[in-house]
Amino acid sequence: MAKLRIELVKSIIGRKPNHIATAKSLGLKKMHDVREHNVTPELMGKIALISYLIKVEEVQ
């Protein structure tokens, strides 16, 4: 199964409450936090919502 490495590259301070909640649901609490997740439709929706805050890389 494909995995993605997600890094929070912009601060969540001052963002919309639902964007902050989405980042925290991905395990991203502060800048430069990195988490790996399996690719699911739910994950892709979260990534699309906060794409301006994160950097996404595919892990082999």
C-alpha atoms as a PDB file:
ATOM      1  CA  MET A   1       0.000   0.000   0.000  1.00  0.00           C
ATOM      2  CA  ALA A   2       1.268   3.470  -0.886  1.00  0.00           C
ATOM      3  CA  LYS A   3       2.374   5.782   1.889  1.00  0.00           C
ATOM      4  CA  LEU A   4       2.674   9.557   2.001  1.00  0.00           C
ATOM      5  CA  ARG A   5       5.009  11.663   4.130  1.00  0.00           C
ATOM      6  CA  ILE A   6       3.279  14.880   5.167  1.00  0.00           C
ATOM      7  CA  GLU A   7       5.140  17.868   6.652  1.00  0.00           C
ATOM      8  CA  LEU A   8       3.566  21.020   8.080  1.00  0.00           C
ATOM      9  CA  VAL A   9       5.544  23.877   6.484  1.00  0.00           C
ATOM     10  CA  LYS A  10       3.360  26.857   7.453  1.00  0.00           C
ATOM     11  CA  SER A  11       1.982  27.805  10.853  1.00  0.00           C
ATOM     12  CA  ILE A  12      -1.610  26.994  11.784  1.00  0.00           C
ATOM     13  CA  ILE A  13      -1.864  30.149  13.912  1.00  0.00           C
ATOM     14  CA  GLY A  14      -4.673  32.387  12.645  1.00  0.00           C
ATOM     15  CA  ARG A  15      -6.112  29.775  10.272  1.00  0.00           C
ATOM     16  CA  LYS A  16      -9.743  28.698  10.087  1.00  0.00           C
ATOM     17  CA  PRO A  17     -10.758  26.401  12.967  1.00  0.00           C
ATOM     18  CA  ASN A  18     -11.620  23.529  10.634  1.00  0.00           C
ATOM     19  CA  HIS A  19      -8.181  23.777   8.948  1.00  0.00           C
ATOM     20  CA  ILE A  20      -6.472  23.673  12.359  1.00  0.00           C
ATOM     21  CA  ALA A  21      -8.549  20.621  13.306  1.00  0.00           C
ATOM     22  CA  THR A  22      -7.656  18.912  10.027  1.00  0.00           C
ATOM     23  CA  ALA A  23      -3.927  19.471  10.587  1.00  0.00           C
ATOM     24  CA  LYS A  24      -4.183  18.119  14.122  1.00  0.00           C
ATOM     25  CA  SER A  25      -6.146  15.082  12.916  1.00  0.00           C
ATOM     26  CA  LEU A  26      -3.169  14.312  10.659  1.00  0.00           C
ATOM     27  CA  GLY A  27      -0.881  14.482  13.717  1.00  0.00           C
ATOM     28  CA  LEU A  28       0.658  17.835  12.756  1.00  0.00           C
ATOM     29  CA  LYS A  29       0.807  20.047  15.842  1.00  0.00           C
ATOM     30  CA  LYS A  30       3.646  22.454  15.074  1.00  0.00           C
ATOM     31  CA  MET A  31       5.754  23.534  12.128  1.00  0.00           C
ATOM     32  CA  HIS A  32       8.046  20.924  10.569  1.00  0.00           C
ATOM     33  CA  ASP A  33       6.190  18.004  12.175  1.00  0.00           C
ATOM     34  CA  VAL A  34       6.333  15.013   9.809  1.00  0.00           C
ATOM     35  CA  ARG A  35       3.941  12.058   9.739  1.00  0.00           C
ATOM     36  CA  GLU A  36       3.527   9.101   7.410  1.00  0.00           C
ATOM     37  CA  HIS A  37       0.058   7.859   6.463  1.00  0.00           C
ATOM     38  CA  ASN A  38      -1.363   5.194   4.176  1.00  0.00           C
ATOM     39  CA  VAL A  39      -3.225   6.595   1.181  1.00  0.00           C
ATOM     40  CA  THR A  40      -7.012   6.589   1.630  1.00  0.00           C
ATOM     41  CA  PRO A  41      -9.792   8.704   0.129  1.00  0.00           C
ATOM     42  CA  GLU A  42     -10.284  10.397   3.518  1.00  0.00           C
ATOM     43  CA  LEU A  43      -6.597  11.301   3.690  1.00  0.00           C
ATOM     44  CA  MET A  44      -6.645  12.752   0.187  1.00  0.00           C
ATOM     45  CA  GLY A  45      -9.603  14.971   1.138  1.00  0.00           C
ATOM     46  CA  LYS A  46      -7.736  16.278   4.187  1.00  0.00           C
ATOM     47  CA  ILE A  47      -4.649  16.956   2.081  1.00  0.00           C
ATOM     48  CA  ALA A  48      -6.734  18.875  -0.461  1.00  0.00           C
ATOM     49  CA  LEU A  49      -8.267  21.029   2.291  1.00  0.00           C
ATOM     50  CA  ILE A  50      -4.961  22.162   3.811  1.00  0.00           C
ATOM     51  CA  SER A  51      -2.674  21.806   0.784  1.00  0.00           C
ATOM     52  CA  TYR A  52      -1.423  25.379   1.236  1.00  0.00           C
ATOM     53  CA  LEU A  53      -0.015  24.481   4.682  1.00  0.00           C
ATOM     54  CA  ILE A  54       1.730  21.181   3.959  1.00  0.00           C
ATOM     55  CA  LYS A  55       4.336  19.469   1.803  1.00  0.00           C
ATOM     56  CA  VAL A  56       3.495  15.949   0.607  1.00  0.00           C
ATOM     57  CA  GLU A  57       5.947  13.320  -0.630  1.00  0.00           C
ATOM     58  CA  GLU A  58       5.386   9.721  -1.664  1.00  0.00           C
ATOM     59  CA  VAL A  59       7.376   7.174   0.349  1.00  0.00           C
ATOM     60  CA  GLN A  60       8.723   4.067  -1.384  1.00  0.00           C
END
